Amino acid sequence: MLSSVNRKYLFTFYFSIIRPCFILAQSNMTSSGSVDADKFSVAYVTVPSKDVGKSIALGLVKNKLAACVNIVPEVTSIYEWEDEINEDTEALLMIKTRTSQVDQLTEYVRSVHPYEVCEVISLPIKNGNPPYLKWIGDMVPEKS
């Protein structure tokens, strides 16, 4: 009698408390979430060509200022410069980094970019795949 009561109690305890907690913990690790909101950012930089973009991207990753840089090979930019409307074909860099490294990333880009005034803008990542955000954090150290 006692052992059947203990088994029933353990069975109930497991399925009503332990198992749901385990499932919830697992789902938090694999679902989309804002676990590290604002800790990471994506920066956008336009460059005159894919080759210039590759050179800048390699420097950013090598110097641990970016975890990943995607190069969109062709975008059309329309802008005003020196009182003229211009239309140029450029490449776009999408750079994933730590928010704390955006200033240093900007300094690096400005030092190697061929434009007199280069575009470097960033937005905080408000939500994302937690393992991917962790990977960004593993690749790009905190600002020292």
Foldseek 3Di string as FASTA:
>chain_A
DVVVVVVVVVVCCCVPPVVVVVVVVVCVQFDKDQPPWLQKKKKKWKAQFVVLVVVLQVVCLVVLAFLDKDKAGWDWDWDDDPNDTDIGIIIMIITIATNQSLVVSVVSCCVRGPDPDIGIDMDIDRMDGNVVVVSRPVRHDHDD
